[in-house]
Amino acid sequence: MALQEVCEWRAPDTQALLPHLPRTGSWAVPRGCDPQTFLQTHGPQLAHGTTTLAFRFRHGVIAAADTRSSCGSYVACPASRKIIPVHQHLLGTTSGTSADCVTWYRVLQRELRLRALREGQLPSVAGAAKLLSVMLSRYRGLDLCVATALCGWDRSGPALFYVYSDGTRLQGDIFSVGSGSPYAYGVLDRGYHYDMGIQEAYALARCAVAHATHRDAYSGGSVDLFHVRESGWEYVSRSDTCVLYTQLQKLPEPEPEEEEEEEEAGQAHPEPATPHRAGGGRGLSVGPGEATPGDFGMPAETERL
């Protein structure tokens, strides 16, 4: 205080509003109406979208997202960060309302830090997802819009959870959230397998986001790529989506050499068709041009609070 008096310094008036902003009681809301209720009912419905994805594989968890923040037809920010680190071994993708996502990730960071101080260790990825879903479920129906994929590595290995603002919690190997997610899923379903290499996983994530931004008007900008390893998360790169898509279009398509060799081998050594009798205890044979049906889906655990 003495130094302030000597320097004749006065703290700025933080209560005063900016000149171009009206005061609280002068908003153009009909009399007798609650401002919050009126804006929820009659306010503008601004469309917003994004493309975020995450998948788990043998070397950890990959998280990728575009960088365009949109509000209707207006691009609010072309270089936003949609992947938020929580601690050294946990991060999450954000989709929905930007303010809600950032606020709840700050709350999650605080709660996990307090839990670590009390218990001496950080909770698992499943515990963090459970905590976030419980906190969000208390505000169900209040226009919260938070859709996130929690990517981390704990004592059980790499883990991936999807949490929504109504309390939904899913565990799986692949998640894509946002308006561009259908296009990203098309690329991921074609190229994903658990035993892929690190560079292959990087290329798949970039390719999926680049194709999604080409088709989805609300996604664009660049591609942020993160990799969660056993030693912690790593920021890999930020690549321009237009350049990526142009490079992907110039890549030659792989020739089906293996299929041609199999067809030639089948023509050189044709197998005679043997009839099978019903009740003979034999299964149906599979010809060279047929394939056995298989279930490649993995059921996800759903918990709704």
C-alpha atoms as a PDB file:
ATOM      1  CA  MET A   1       0.000   0.000   0.000  1.00  0.00           C
ATOM      2  CA  ALA A   2       2.829   2.419   0.816  1.00  0.00           C
ATOM      3  CA  LEU A   3       4.426   1.812  -2.583  1.00  0.00           C
ATOM      4  CA  GLN A   4       1.106   2.403  -4.292  1.00  0.00           C
ATOM      5  CA  GLU A   5       0.684   5.738  -2.493  1.00  0.00           C
ATOM      6  CA  VAL A   6       4.216   6.836  -3.389  1.00  0.00           C
ATOM      7  CA  CYS A   7       3.722   5.974  -7.042  1.00  0.00           C
ATOM      8  CA  GLU A   8       0.172   7.384  -6.982  1.00  0.00           C
ATOM      9  CA  TRP A   9      -1.096   4.176  -8.564  1.00  0.00           C
ATOM     10  CA  ARG A  10      -4.789   3.377  -8.512  1.00  0.00           C
ATOM     11  CA  ALA A  11      -6.307  -0.005  -9.327  1.00  0.00           C
ATOM     12  CA  PRO A  12      -8.568   0.043 -12.377  1.00  0.00           C
ATOM     13  CA  ASP A  13     -12.309  -0.126 -11.817  1.00  0.00           C
ATOM     14  CA  THR A  14     -13.084  -3.738 -12.737  1.00  0.00           C
ATOM     15  CA  GLN A  15     -16.794  -3.277 -12.072  1.00  0.00           C
ATOM     16  CA  ALA A  16     -17.249  -0.746 -14.842  1.00  0.00           C
ATOM     17  CA  LEU A  17     -18.464  -2.168 -18.139  1.00  0.00           C
ATOM     18  CA  LEU A  18     -17.041  -1.347 -21.529  1.00  0.00           C
ATOM     19  CA  PRO A  19     -18.624   1.671 -23.241  1.00  0.00           C
ATOM     20  CA  HIS A  20     -20.196  -0.374 -26.051  1.00  0.00           C
ATOM     21  CA  LEU A  21     -21.834  -2.901 -23.717  1.00  0.00           C
ATOM     22  CA  PRO A  22     -25.235  -2.139 -22.162  1.00  0.00           C
ATOM     23  CA  ARG A  23     -25.789  -2.577 -18.472  1.00  0.00           C
ATOM     24  CA  THR A  24     -27.455  -5.651 -17.020  1.00  0.00           C
ATOM     25  CA  GLY A  25     -30.937  -4.160 -16.732  1.00  0.00           C
ATOM     26  CA  SER A  26     -31.071  -2.664 -20.240  1.00  0.00           C
ATOM     27  CA  TRP A  27     -31.108  -5.777 -22.426  1.00  0.00           C
ATOM     28  CA  ALA A  28     -33.927  -5.835 -24.974  1.00  0.00           C
ATOM     29  CA  VAL A  29     -36.000  -8.539 -23.255  1.00  0.00           C
ATOM     30  CA  PRO A  30     -39.792  -8.303 -22.822  1.00  0.00           C
ATOM     31  CA  ARG A  31     -40.946  -7.301 -19.378  1.00  0.00           C
ATOM     32  CA  GLY A  32     -41.739 -10.125 -17.017  1.00  0.00           C
ATOM     33  CA  CYS A  33     -39.462 -12.592 -18.840  1.00  0.00           C
ATOM     34  CA  ASP A  34     -36.354 -14.175 -17.434  1.00  0.00           C
ATOM     35  CA  PRO A  35     -33.445 -13.283 -19.799  1.00  0.00           C
ATOM     36  CA  GLN A  36     -31.920 -16.768 -19.674  1.00  0.00           C
ATOM     37  CA  THR A  37     -35.242 -18.516 -20.351  1.00  0.00           C
ATOM     38  CA  PHE A  38     -36.153 -16.054 -23.117  1.00  0.00           C
ATOM     39  CA  LEU A  39     -32.818 -16.513 -24.916  1.00  0.00           C
ATOM     40  CA  GLN A  40     -33.062 -20.312 -24.680  1.00  0.00           C
ATOM     41  CA  THR A  41     -36.543 -20.235 -26.227  1.00  0.00           C
ATOM     42  CA  HIS A  42     -36.302 -17.408 -28.755  1.00  0.00           C
ATOM     43  CA  GLY A  43     -32.566 -16.956 -29.142  1.00  0.00           C
ATOM     44  CA  PRO A  44     -30.694 -17.599 -32.389  1.00  0.00           C
ATOM     45  CA  GLN A  45     -29.842 -21.221 -33.153  1.00  0.00           C
ATOM     46  CA  LEU A  46     -26.277 -21.057 -34.404  1.00  0.00           C
ATOM     47  CA  ALA A  47     -24.983 -24.225 -36.005  1.00  0.00           C
ATOM     48  CA  HIS A  48     -21.473 -25.270 -35.038  1.00  0.00           C
ATOM     49  CA  GLY A  49     -19.405 -28.247 -36.070  1.00  0.00           C
ATOM     50  CA  THR A  50     -16.000 -29.843 -35.881  1.00  0.00           C
ATOM     51  CA  THR A  51     -14.088 -33.044 -36.588  1.00  0.00           C
ATOM     52  CA  THR A  52     -12.268 -34.825 -33.786  1.00  0.00           C
ATOM     53  CA  LEU A  53     -11.162 -38.433 -33.591  1.00  0.00           C
ATOM     54  CA  ALA A  54      -9.212 -40.785 -31.370  1.00  0.00           C
ATOM     55  CA  PHE A  55      -8.274 -44.442 -31.627  1.00  0.00           C
ATOM     56  CA  ARG A  56      -6.362 -46.912 -29.493  1.00  0.00           C
ATOM     57  CA  PHE A  57      -3.670 -49.169 -30.894  1.00  0.00           C
ATOM     58  CA  ARG A  58      -0.652 -51.192 -29.808  1.00  0.00           C
ATOM     59  CA  HIS A  59       1.627 -48.188 -29.256  1.00  0.00           C
ATOM     60  CA  GLY A  60      -0.805 -45.957 -27.371  1.00  0.00           C
ATOM     61  CA  VAL A  61      -3.678 -43.651 -28.289  1.00  0.00           C
ATOM     62  CA  ILE A  62      -3.836 -41.233 -31.227  1.00  0.00           C
ATOM     63  CA  ALA A  63      -5.913 -38.050 -30.978  1.00  0.00           C
ATOM     64  CA  ALA A  64      -6.468 -35.713 -33.928  1.00  0.00           C
ATOM     65  CA  ALA A  65      -8.735 -32.732 -34.597  1.00  0.00           C
ATOM     66  CA  ASP A  66      -9.217 -29.868 -36.978  1.00  0.00           C
ATOM     67  CA  THR A  67      -8.647 -26.276 -35.858  1.00  0.00           C
ATOM     68  CA  ARG A  68     -11.671 -24.384 -37.228  1.00  0.00           C
ATOM     69  CA  SER A  69     -14.083 -22.933 -34.670  1.00  0.00           C
ATOM     70  CA  SER A  70     -17.324 -22.006 -36.405  1.00  0.00           C
ATOM     71  CA  CYS A  71     -20.476 -20.191 -35.333  1.00  0.00           C
ATOM     72  CA  GLY A  72     -23.091 -20.597 -38.010  1.00  0.00           C
ATOM     73  CA  SER A  73     -21.594 -19.469 -41.317  1.00  0.00           C
ATOM     74  CA  TYR A  74     -18.966 -17.412 -39.474  1.00  0.00           C
ATOM     75  CA  VAL A  75     -15.481 -18.803 -38.817  1.00  0.00           C
ATOM     76  CA  ALA A  76     -14.757 -17.567 -35.309  1.00  0.00           C
ATOM     77  CA  CYS A  77     -11.168 -18.874 -35.184  1.00  0.00           C
ATOM     78  CA  PRO A  78      -9.245 -20.752 -37.880  1.00  0.00           C
ATOM     79  CA  ALA A  79      -6.451 -21.949 -35.555  1.00  0.00           C
ATOM     80  CA  SER A  80      -8.077 -23.044 -32.297  1.00  0.00           C
ATOM     81  CA  ARG A  81      -6.827 -25.895 -30.122  1.00  0.00           C
ATOM     82  CA  LYS A  82      -9.428 -28.659 -29.734  1.00  0.00           C
ATOM     83  CA  ILE A  83      -7.253 -31.180 -27.910  1.00  0.00           C
ATOM     84  CA  ILE A  84      -6.717 -30.200 -24.269  1.00  0.00           C
ATOM     85  CA  PRO A  85      -4.093 -31.852 -22.013  1.00  0.00           C
ATOM     86  CA  VAL A  86      -5.375 -32.796 -18.559  1.00  0.00           C
ATOM     87  CA  HIS A  87      -2.144 -34.115 -17.065  1.00  0.00           C
ATOM     88  CA  GLN A  88       0.981 -35.863 -18.315  1.00  0.00           C
ATOM     89  CA  HIS A  89      -0.779 -39.119 -19.250  1.00  0.00           C
ATOM     90  CA  LEU A  90      -4.265 -37.857 -20.134  1.00  0.00           C
ATOM     91  CA  LEU A  91      -5.746 -35.518 -22.728  1.00  0.00           C
ATOM     92  CA  GLY A  92      -9.097 -35.084 -24.394  1.00  0.00           C
ATOM     93  CA  THR A  93     -10.674 -33.953 -27.635  1.00  0.00           C
ATOM     94  CA  THR A  94     -13.374 -31.275 -27.439  1.00  0.00           C
ATOM     95  CA  SER A  95     -16.523 -31.003 -29.511  1.00  0.00           C
ATOM     96  CA  GLY A  96     -19.565 -28.857 -28.831  1.00  0.00           C
ATOM     97  CA  THR A  97     -19.625 -25.400 -27.291  1.00  0.00           C
ATOM     98  CA  SER A  98     -16.059 -24.171 -26.857  1.00  0.00           C
ATOM     99  CA  ALA A  99     -16.727 -22.341 -23.582  1.00  0.00           C
ATOM    100  CA  ASP A 100     -18.425 -25.382 -22.021  1.00  0.00           C
ATOM    101  CA  CYS A 101     -15.607 -27.722 -23.070  1.00  0.00           C
ATOM    102  CA  VAL A 102     -12.827 -25.489 -21.736  1.00  0.00           C
ATOM    103  CA  THR A 103     -14.675 -24.826 -18.466  1.00  0.00           C
ATOM    104  CA  TRP A 104     -15.350 -28.467 -17.704  1.00  0.00           C
ATOM    105  CA  TYR A 105     -11.808 -29.493 -18.554  1.00  0.00           C
ATOM    106  CA  ARG A 106     -10.552 -26.950 -16.036  1.00  0.00           C
ATOM    107  CA  VAL A 107     -12.923 -28.443 -13.471  1.00  0.00           C
ATOM    108  CA  LEU A 108     -11.680 -31.948 -14.340  1.00  0.00           C
ATOM    109  CA  GLN A 109      -8.047 -30.873 -13.985  1.00  0.00           C
ATOM    110  CA  ARG A 110      -8.752 -29.414 -10.553  1.00  0.00           C
ATOM    111  CA  GLU A 111     -10.645 -32.487  -9.323  1.00  0.00           C
ATOM    112  CA  LEU A 112      -7.982 -34.900 -10.545  1.00  0.00           C
ATOM    113  CA  ARG A 113      -5.259 -32.817  -8.906  1.00  0.00           C
ATOM    114  CA  LEU A 114      -7.151 -32.824  -5.586  1.00  0.00           C
ATOM    115  CA  ARG A 115      -7.693 -36.580  -5.868  1.00  0.00           C
ATOM    116  CA  ALA A 116      -3.975 -37.093  -6.486  1.00  0.00           C
ATOM    117  CA  LEU A 117      -3.081 -35.012  -3.420  1.00  0.00           C
ATOM    118  CA  ARG A 118      -5.494 -36.951  -1.217  1.00  0.00           C
ATOM    119  CA  GLU A 119      -4.729 -40.467  -2.474  1.00  0.00           C
ATOM    120  CA  GLY A 120      -1.104 -40.091  -3.521  1.00  0.00           C
ATOM    121  CA  GLN A 121      -1.699 -41.134  -7.133  1.00  0.00           C
ATOM    122  CA  LEU A 122      -3.703 -40.027 -10.140  1.00  0.00           C
ATOM    123  CA  PRO A 123      -6.947 -41.878 -10.946  1.00  0.00           C
ATOM    124  CA  SER A 124      -7.105 -44.204 -13.937  1.00  0.00           C
ATOM    125  CA  VAL A 125      -8.515 -43.115 -17.274  1.00  0.00           C
ATOM    126  CA  ALA A 126     -11.737 -44.959 -16.455  1.00  0.00           C
ATOM    127  CA  GLY A 127     -11.915 -43.123 -13.128  1.00  0.00           C
ATOM    128  CA  ALA A 128     -11.415 -39.749 -14.806  1.00  0.00           C
ATOM    129  CA  ALA A 129     -14.144 -40.545 -17.360  1.00  0.00           C
ATOM    130  CA  LYS A 130     -16.489 -41.661 -14.580  1.00  0.00           C
ATOM    131  CA  LEU A 131     -15.819 -38.465 -12.615  1.00  0.00           C
ATOM    132  CA  LEU A 132     -16.473 -36.239 -15.640  1.00  0.00           C
ATOM    133  CA  SER A 133     -19.688 -38.048 -16.567  1.00  0.00           C
ATOM    134  CA  VAL A 134     -21.006 -37.752 -12.988  1.00  0.00           C
ATOM    135  CA  MET A 135     -20.292 -34.016 -12.871  1.00  0.00           C
ATOM    136  CA  LEU A 136     -21.889 -33.392 -16.255  1.00  0.00           C
ATOM    137  CA  SER A 137     -24.984 -35.481 -15.513  1.00  0.00           C
ATOM    138  CA  ARG A 138     -26.016 -33.056 -12.760  1.00  0.00           C
ATOM    139  CA  TYR A 139     -26.558 -30.367 -15.417  1.00  0.00           C
ATOM    140  CA  ARG A 140     -28.585 -32.517 -17.778  1.00  0.00           C
ATOM    141  CA  GLY A 141     -31.180 -30.496 -19.656  1.00  0.00           C
ATOM    142  CA  LEU A 142     -29.480 -27.131 -19.127  1.00  0.00           C
ATOM    143  CA  ASP A 143     -28.152 -26.734 -22.677  1.00  0.00           C
ATOM    144  CA  LEU A 144     -24.654 -27.957 -21.927  1.00  0.00           C
ATOM    145  CA  CYS A 145     -22.926 -29.200 -25.081  1.00  0.00           C
ATOM    146  CA  VAL A 146     -19.785 -31.186 -24.276  1.00  0.00           C
ATOM    147  CA  ALA A 147     -18.726 -34.228 -26.286  1.00  0.00           C
ATOM    148  CA  THR A 148     -15.216 -35.438 -25.549  1.00  0.00           C
ATOM    149  CA  ALA A 149     -12.950 -38.426 -26.013  1.00  0.00           C
ATOM    150  CA  LEU A 150     -10.590 -39.001 -23.091  1.00  0.00           C
ATOM    151  CA  CYS A 151      -7.293 -40.524 -24.247  1.00  0.00           C
ATOM    152  CA  GLY A 152      -4.779 -41.761 -21.704  1.00  0.00           C
ATOM    153  CA  TRP A 153      -2.357 -44.371 -20.471  1.00  0.00           C
ATOM    154  CA  ASP A 154      -2.616 -45.841 -16.977  1.00  0.00           C
ATOM    155  CA  ARG A 155      -1.544 -49.012 -15.189  1.00  0.00           C
ATOM    156  CA  SER A 156      -3.724 -51.149 -17.467  1.00  0.00           C
ATOM    157  CA  GLY A 157      -2.260 -49.686 -20.659  1.00  0.00           C
ATOM    158  CA  PRO A 158      -3.765 -47.375 -23.291  1.00  0.00           C
ATOM    159  CA  ALA A 159      -7.411 -46.482 -22.700  1.00  0.00           C
ATOM    160  CA  LEU A 160     -10.054 -44.513 -24.574  1.00  0.00           C
ATOM    161  CA  PHE A 161     -13.440 -43.263 -23.316  1.00  0.00           C
ATOM    162  CA  TYR A 162     -16.189 -41.123 -24.809  1.00  0.00           C
ATOM    163  CA  VAL A 163     -18.152 -38.824 -22.466  1.00  0.00           C
ATOM    164  CA  TYR A 164     -21.197 -36.740 -23.372  1.00  0.00           C
ATOM    165  CA  SER A 165     -22.827 -33.881 -21.489  1.00  0.00           C
ATOM    166  CA  ASP A 166     -25.898 -35.942 -20.520  1.00  0.00           C
ATOM    167  CA  GLY A 167     -23.720 -38.367 -18.556  1.00  0.00           C
ATOM    168  CA  THR A 168     -23.168 -40.988 -21.247  1.00  0.00           C
ATOM    169  CA  ARG A 169     -19.867 -42.846 -20.941  1.00  0.00           C
ATOM    170  CA  LEU A 170     -18.566 -45.290 -23.569  1.00  0.00           C
ATOM    171  CA  GLN A 171     -15.381 -47.306 -23.808  1.00  0.00           C
ATOM    172  CA  GLY A 172     -14.006 -48.380 -27.172  1.00  0.00           C
ATOM    173  CA  ASP A 173     -11.142 -48.452 -29.638  1.00  0.00           C
ATOM    174  CA  ILE A 174     -12.323 -45.814 -32.153  1.00  0.00           C
ATOM    175  CA  PHE A 175     -14.312 -42.623 -31.596  1.00  0.00           C
ATOM    176  CA  SER A 176     -14.994 -39.692 -33.882  1.00  0.00           C
ATOM    177  CA  VAL A 177     -17.097 -36.749 -32.710  1.00  0.00           C
ATOM    178  CA  GLY A 178     -18.468 -33.745 -34.561  1.00  0.00           C
ATOM    179  CA  SER A 179     -20.221 -32.857 -37.769  1.00  0.00           C
ATOM    180  CA  GLY A 180     -17.408 -34.365 -39.837  1.00  0.00           C
ATOM    181  CA  SER A 181     -17.374 -37.668 -37.936  1.00  0.00           C
ATOM    182  CA  PRO A 182     -19.286 -39.709 -40.592  1.00  0.00           C
ATOM    183  CA  TYR A 183     -16.574 -38.937 -43.164  1.00  0.00           C
ATOM    184  CA  ALA A 184     -13.803 -39.654 -40.647  1.00  0.00           C
ATOM    185  CA  TYR A 185     -15.391 -42.980 -39.679  1.00  0.00           C
ATOM    186  CA  GLY A 186     -15.382 -44.024 -43.339  1.00  0.00           C
ATOM    187  CA  VAL A 187     -11.598 -43.644 -43.510  1.00  0.00           C
ATOM    188  CA  LEU A 188     -10.967 -45.142 -40.062  1.00  0.00           C
ATOM    189  CA  ASP A 189     -13.094 -48.233 -40.660  1.00  0.00           C
ATOM    190  CA  ARG A 190     -11.149 -48.977 -43.813  1.00  0.00           C
ATOM    191  CA  GLY A 191      -7.607 -48.486 -42.527  1.00  0.00           C
ATOM    192  CA  TYR A 192      -7.678 -49.181 -38.787  1.00  0.00           C
ATOM    193  CA  HIS A 193      -6.211 -52.276 -37.164  1.00  0.00           C
ATOM    194  CA  TYR A 194      -4.863 -52.624 -33.653  1.00  0.00           C
ATOM    195  CA  ASP A 195      -1.342 -53.798 -34.606  1.00  0.00           C
ATOM    196  CA  MET A 196      -0.520 -50.901 -36.936  1.00  0.00           C
ATOM    197  CA  GLY A 197       2.775 -49.066 -36.722  1.00  0.00           C
ATOM    198  CA  ILE A 198       3.270 -45.561 -35.363  1.00  0.00           C
ATOM    199  CA  GLN A 199       3.796 -43.845 -38.709  1.00  0.00           C
ATOM    200  CA  GLU A 200       0.872 -45.740 -40.178  1.00  0.00           C
ATOM    201  CA  ALA A 201      -1.323 -44.518 -37.325  1.00  0.00           C
ATOM    202  CA  TYR A 202      -0.173 -40.930 -37.869  1.00  0.00           C
ATOM    203  CA  ALA A 203      -0.978 -41.145 -41.583  1.00  0.00           C
ATOM    204  CA  LEU A 204      -4.405 -42.678 -40.906  1.00  0.00           C
ATOM    205  CA  ALA A 205      -5.391 -39.933 -38.446  1.00  0.00           C
ATOM    206  CA  ARG A 206      -4.260 -37.155 -40.792  1.00  0.00           C
ATOM    207  CA  CYS A 207      -6.020 -38.774 -43.736  1.00  0.00           C
ATOM    208  CA  ALA A 208      -9.305 -39.153 -41.824  1.00  0.00           C
ATOM    209  CA  VAL A 209      -9.402 -35.524 -40.665  1.00  0.00           C
ATOM    210  CA  ALA A 210      -8.308 -34.196 -44.065  1.00  0.00           C
ATOM    211  CA  HIS A 211     -11.103 -36.053 -45.881  1.00  0.00           C
ATOM    212  CA  ALA A 212     -13.640 -34.900 -43.274  1.00  0.00           C
ATOM    213  CA  THR A 213     -12.651 -31.249 -43.632  1.00  0.00           C
ATOM    214  CA  HIS A 214     -12.957 -31.512 -47.402  1.00  0.00           C
ATOM    215  CA  ARG A 215     -16.595 -32.656 -47.141  1.00  0.00           C
ATOM    216  CA  ASP A 216     -17.744 -30.847 -43.995  1.00  0.00           C
ATOM    217  CA  ALA A 217     -18.154 -27.074 -44.269  1.00  0.00           C
ATOM    218  CA  TYR A 218     -17.845 -26.533 -40.510  1.00  0.00           C
ATOM    219  CA  SER A 219     -14.425 -28.235 -40.295  1.00  0.00           C
ATOM    220  CA  GLY A 220     -11.155 -26.974 -41.691  1.00  0.00           C
ATOM    221  CA  GLY A 221      -7.959 -25.145 -40.940  1.00  0.00           C
ATOM    222  CA  SER A 222      -5.238 -27.543 -39.868  1.00  0.00           C
ATOM    223  CA  VAL A 223      -4.889 -30.994 -38.304  1.00  0.00           C
ATOM    224  CA  ASP A 224      -3.526 -31.215 -34.767  1.00  0.00           C
ATOM    225  CA  LEU A 225      -2.042 -34.623 -33.970  1.00  0.00           C
ATOM    226  CA  PHE A 226      -1.268 -35.962 -30.493  1.00  0.00           C
ATOM    227  CA  HIS A 227       0.143 -39.318 -29.381  1.00  0.00           C
ATOM    228  CA  VAL A 228      -0.320 -40.676 -25.857  1.00  0.00           C
ATOM    229  CA  ARG A 229       2.499 -43.056 -24.953  1.00  0.00           C
ATOM    230  CA  GLU A 230       3.482 -44.882 -21.794  1.00  0.00           C
ATOM    231  CA  SER A 231       5.871 -42.021 -21.006  1.00  0.00           C
ATOM    232  CA  GLY A 232       3.166 -39.369 -21.518  1.00  0.00           C
ATOM    233  CA  TRP A 233       1.444 -37.460 -24.290  1.00  0.00           C
ATOM    234  CA  GLU A 234       3.362 -35.974 -27.194  1.00  0.00           C
ATOM    235  CA  TYR A 235       2.347 -33.195 -29.590  1.00  0.00           C
ATOM    236  CA  VAL A 236       3.281 -34.601 -32.982  1.00  0.00           C
ATOM    237  CA  SER A 237       2.434 -31.979 -35.593  1.00  0.00           C
ATOM    238  CA  ARG A 238       0.040 -29.436 -37.049  1.00  0.00           C
ATOM    239  CA  SER A 239      -0.570 -29.831 -40.798  1.00  0.00           C
ATOM    240  CA  ASP A 240      -2.647 -27.773 -43.204  1.00  0.00           C
ATOM    241  CA  THR A 241      -5.734 -29.698 -44.333  1.00  0.00           C
ATOM    242  CA  CYS A 242      -5.730 -28.347 -47.905  1.00  0.00           C
ATOM    243  CA  VAL A 243      -2.128 -29.396 -48.429  1.00  0.00           C
ATOM    244  CA  LEU A 244      -2.818 -32.815 -46.924  1.00  0.00           C
ATOM    245  CA  TYR A 245      -5.841 -33.439 -49.110  1.00  0.00           C
ATOM    246  CA  THR A 246      -3.946 -32.366 -52.232  1.00  0.00           C
ATOM    247  CA  GLN A 247      -1.105 -34.744 -51.390  1.00  0.00           C
ATOM    248  CA  LEU A 248      -3.560 -37.576 -50.742  1.00  0.00           C
ATOM    249  CA  GLN A 249      -5.171 -37.045 -54.149  1.00  0.00           C
ATOM    250  CA  LYS A 250      -1.782 -37.390 -55.871  1.00  0.00           C
ATOM    251  CA  LEU A 251      -0.928 -40.691 -54.198  1.00  0.00           C
ATOM    252  CA  PRO A 252      -1.242 -43.698 -56.571  1.00  0.00           C
ATOM    253  CA  GLU A 253      -3.732 -46.370 -55.662  1.00  0.00           C
ATOM    254  CA  PRO A 254      -2.189 -49.702 -54.640  1.00  0.00           C
ATOM    255  CA  GLU A 255      -2.478 -52.445 -57.239  1.00  0.00           C
ATOM    256  CA  PRO A 256      -4.165 -55.664 -56.106  1.00  0.00           C
ATOM    257  CA  GLU A 257      -1.181 -57.945 -56.824  1.00  0.00           C
ATOM    258  CA  GLU A 258      -2.022 -60.466 -54.129  1.00  0.00           C
ATOM    259  CA  GLU A 259      -5.563 -60.965 -55.416  1.00  0.00           C
ATOM    260  CA  GLU A 260      -4.287 -61.557 -58.960  1.00  0.00           C
ATOM    261  CA  GLU A 261      -1.765 -64.140 -57.713  1.00  0.00           C
ATOM    262  CA  GLU A 262      -4.461 -65.966 -55.768  1.00  0.00           C
ATOM    263  CA  GLU A 263      -6.745 -66.042 -58.808  1.00  0.00           C
ATOM    264  CA  GLU A 264      -3.936 -67.398 -61.010  1.00  0.00           C
ATOM    265  CA  ALA A 265      -3.115 -70.064 -58.439  1.00  0.00           C
ATOM    266  CA  GLY A 266      -6.781 -71.042 -58.203  1.00  0.00           C
ATOM    267  CA  GLN A 267      -7.046 -71.373 -62.008  1.00  0.00           C
ATOM    268  CA  ALA A 268      -3.865 -73.458 -62.200  1.00  0.00           C
ATOM    269  CA  HIS A 269      -5.026 -75.878 -59.490  1.00  0.00           C
ATOM    270  CA  PRO A 270      -8.819 -75.978 -59.515  1.00  0.00           C
ATOM    271  CA  GLU A 271     -10.391 -77.802 -56.602  1.00  0.00           C
ATOM    272  CA  PRO A 272     -13.221 -80.220 -57.431  1.00  0.00           C
ATOM    273  CA  ALA A 273     -16.525 -79.397 -55.809  1.00  0.00           C
ATOM    274  CA  THR A 274     -17.612 -82.131 -53.427  1.00  0.00           C
ATOM    275  CA  PRO A 275     -21.282 -82.424 -52.452  1.00  0.00           C
ATOM    276  CA  HIS A 276     -22.135 -82.378 -48.750  1.00  0.00           C
ATOM    277  CA  ARG A 277     -25.012 -84.318 -47.323  1.00  0.00           C
ATOM    278  CA  ALA A 278     -27.285 -82.943 -44.675  1.00  0.00           C
ATOM    279  CA  GLY A 279     -26.668 -84.458 -41.273  1.00  0.00           C
ATOM    280  CA  GLY A 280     -23.271 -85.818 -42.240  1.00  0.00           C
ATOM    281  CA  GLY A 281     -21.511 -83.854 -39.503  1.00  0.00           C
ATOM    282  CA  ARG A 282     -19.561 -81.725 -41.973  1.00  0.00           C
ATOM    283  CA  GLY A 283     -19.526 -77.969 -42.297  1.00  0.00           C
ATOM    284  CA  LEU A 284     -20.138 -76.098 -45.518  1.00  0.00           C
ATOM    285  CA  SER A 285     -17.030 -75.746 -47.662  1.00  0.00           C
ATOM    286  CA  VAL A 286     -15.852 -72.352 -48.801  1.00  0.00           C
ATOM    287  CA  GLY A 287     -14.916 -71.903 -52.416  1.00  0.00           C
ATOM    288  CA  PRO A 288     -12.033 -69.761 -53.639  1.00  0.00           C
ATOM    289  CA  GLY A 289     -14.342 -66.845 -54.424  1.00  0.00           C
ATOM    290  CA  GLU A 290     -16.329 -66.887 -51.196  1.00  0.00           C
ATOM    291  CA  ALA A 291     -15.678 -65.508 -47.749  1.00  0.00           C
ATOM    292  CA  THR A 292     -16.905 -66.570 -44.381  1.00  0.00           C
ATOM    293  CA  PRO A 293     -18.961 -64.024 -42.512  1.00  0.00           C
ATOM    294  CA  GLY A 294     -17.286 -62.553 -39.430  1.00  0.00           C
ATOM    295  CA  ASP A 295     -18.172 -60.128 -36.750  1.00  0.00           C
ATOM    296  CA  PHE A 296     -15.604 -57.343 -36.692  1.00  0.00           C
ATOM    297  CA  GLY A 297     -17.531 -55.113 -34.281  1.00  0.00           C
ATOM    298  CA  MET A 298     -16.733 -54.753 -30.615  1.00  0.00           C
ATOM    299  CA  PRO A 299     -19.601 -53.983 -28.248  1.00  0.00           C
ATOM    300  CA  ALA A 300     -19.045 -50.837 -26.231  1.00  0.00           C
ATOM    301  CA  GLU A 301     -19.937 -50.548 -22.576  1.00  0.00           C
ATOM    302  CA  THR A 302     -22.582 -47.894 -22.061  1.00  0.00           C
ATOM    303  CA  GLU A 303     -23.414 -46.315 -18.788  1.00  0.00           C
ATOM    304  CA  ARG A 304     -26.023 -43.636 -18.471  1.00  0.00           C
ATOM    305  CA  LEU A 305     -26.366 -41.885 -15.156  1.00  0.00           C
END
